Amino acid sequence: MKNYALHVSEFLKWFNESFDMKFKQLHRKNVLEFKTYLKNIKGNCAKTVNVKLSSLINF
């Protein structure tokens, strides 16, 4: 549960900083952009990216 909350929190922080607006609904485009951010900017490996994205599925 703790990791789930951390992953969702990381997404919400990224979303707010990237779009300067309050999050309302999860869209495929945003998930793909977040995935790119995790891989290219944060340097997360594929396994870590998949774990973080799977947390968003339940969000």
C-alpha atoms as a PDB file:
ATOM      1  CA  MET A   1       0.000   0.000   0.000  1.00  0.00           C
ATOM      2  CA  LYS A   2       2.820   2.392   0.835  1.00  0.00           C
ATOM      3  CA  ASN A   3       4.489   1.916  -2.555  1.00  0.00           C
ATOM      4  CA  TYR A   4       1.160   2.370  -4.330  1.00  0.00           C
ATOM      5  CA  ALA A   5       0.643   5.695  -2.563  1.00  0.00           C
ATOM      6  CA  LEU A   6       4.189   6.799  -3.401  1.00  0.00           C
ATOM      7  CA  HIS A   7       3.789   5.933  -7.084  1.00  0.00           C
ATOM      8  CA  VAL A   8       0.463   7.740  -7.396  1.00  0.00           C
ATOM      9  CA  SER A   9       1.903  10.710  -5.526  1.00  0.00           C
ATOM     10  CA  GLU A  10       4.863  10.808  -7.920  1.00  0.00           C
ATOM     11  CA  PHE A  11       2.486  10.812 -10.901  1.00  0.00           C
ATOM     12  CA  LEU A  12       0.362  13.603  -9.431  1.00  0.00           C
ATOM     13  CA  LYS A  13       3.438  15.706  -8.687  1.00  0.00           C
ATOM     14  CA  TRP A  14       4.738  15.181 -12.235  1.00  0.00           C
ATOM     15  CA  PHE A  15       1.307  16.003 -13.691  1.00  0.00           C
ATOM     16  CA  ASN A  16       0.918  19.226 -11.708  1.00  0.00           C
ATOM     17  CA  GLU A  17       4.434  20.388 -12.573  1.00  0.00           C
ATOM     18  CA  SER A  18       4.114  19.440 -16.243  1.00  0.00           C
ATOM     19  CA  PHE A  19       0.686  20.872 -16.967  1.00  0.00           C
ATOM     20  CA  ASP A  20       0.226  23.494 -14.245  1.00  0.00           C
ATOM     21  CA  MET A  21      -3.310  22.314 -13.615  1.00  0.00           C
ATOM     22  CA  LYS A  22      -5.145  20.133 -11.132  1.00  0.00           C
ATOM     23  CA  PHE A  23      -5.500  16.461 -12.026  1.00  0.00           C
ATOM     24  CA  LYS A  24      -9.047  15.385 -12.871  1.00  0.00           C
ATOM     25  CA  GLN A  25      -8.910  12.194 -14.904  1.00  0.00           C
ATOM     26  CA  LEU A  26      -6.313   9.701 -16.081  1.00  0.00           C
ATOM     27  CA  HIS A  27      -5.797   9.708 -19.850  1.00  0.00           C
ATOM     28  CA  ARG A  28      -3.715   7.361 -21.979  1.00  0.00           C
ATOM     29  CA  LYS A  29      -1.698  10.275 -23.377  1.00  0.00           C
ATOM     30  CA  ASN A  30      -0.686  11.380 -19.876  1.00  0.00           C
ATOM     31  CA  VAL A  31       0.340   7.843 -18.914  1.00  0.00           C
ATOM     32  CA  LEU A  32       2.521   7.567 -22.024  1.00  0.00           C
ATOM     33  CA  GLU A  33       4.130  10.936 -21.298  1.00  0.00           C
ATOM     34  CA  PHE A  34       4.745   9.888 -17.683  1.00  0.00           C
ATOM     35  CA  LYS A  35       6.313   6.657 -18.942  1.00  0.00           C
ATOM     36  CA  THR A  36       8.681   8.653 -21.157  1.00  0.00           C
ATOM     37  CA  TYR A  37       9.539  10.910 -18.214  1.00  0.00           C
ATOM     38  CA  LEU A  38      10.320   7.935 -15.971  1.00  0.00           C
ATOM     39  CA  LYS A  39      12.559   6.314 -18.584  1.00  0.00           C
ATOM     40  CA  ASN A  40      14.345   9.324 -20.073  1.00  0.00           C
ATOM     41  CA  ILE A  41      14.462  11.938 -17.322  1.00  0.00           C
ATOM     42  CA  LYS A  42      14.444   9.829 -14.154  1.00  0.00           C
ATOM     43  CA  GLY A  43      16.433   6.964 -15.706  1.00  0.00           C
ATOM     44  CA  ASN A  44      14.188   4.256 -14.255  1.00  0.00           C
ATOM     45  CA  CYS A  45      14.675   0.738 -15.607  1.00  0.00           C
ATOM     46  CA  ALA A  46      11.818  -0.999 -17.431  1.00  0.00           C
ATOM     47  CA  LYS A  47      10.816  -3.059 -14.391  1.00  0.00           C
ATOM     48  CA  THR A  48      10.522   0.040 -12.191  1.00  0.00           C
ATOM     49  CA  VAL A  49       8.538   1.884 -14.862  1.00  0.00           C
ATOM     50  CA  ASN A  50       6.126  -1.050 -15.163  1.00  0.00           C
ATOM     51  CA  VAL A  51       5.595  -1.216 -11.394  1.00  0.00           C
ATOM     52  CA  LYS A  52       4.841   2.507 -11.238  1.00  0.00           C
ATOM     53  CA  LEU A  53       2.484   2.353 -14.216  1.00  0.00           C
ATOM     54  CA  SER A  54       0.650  -0.640 -12.792  1.00  0.00           C
ATOM     55  CA  SER A  55      -0.102   1.440  -9.701  1.00  0.00           C
ATOM     56  CA  LEU A  56      -1.882   3.948 -11.936  1.00  0.00           C
ATOM     57  CA  ILE A  57      -4.150   1.242 -13.353  1.00  0.00           C
ATOM     58  CA  ASN A  58      -5.751   0.882  -9.919  1.00  0.00           C
ATOM     59  CA  PHE A  59      -5.909   4.630  -9.394  1.00  0.00           C
END
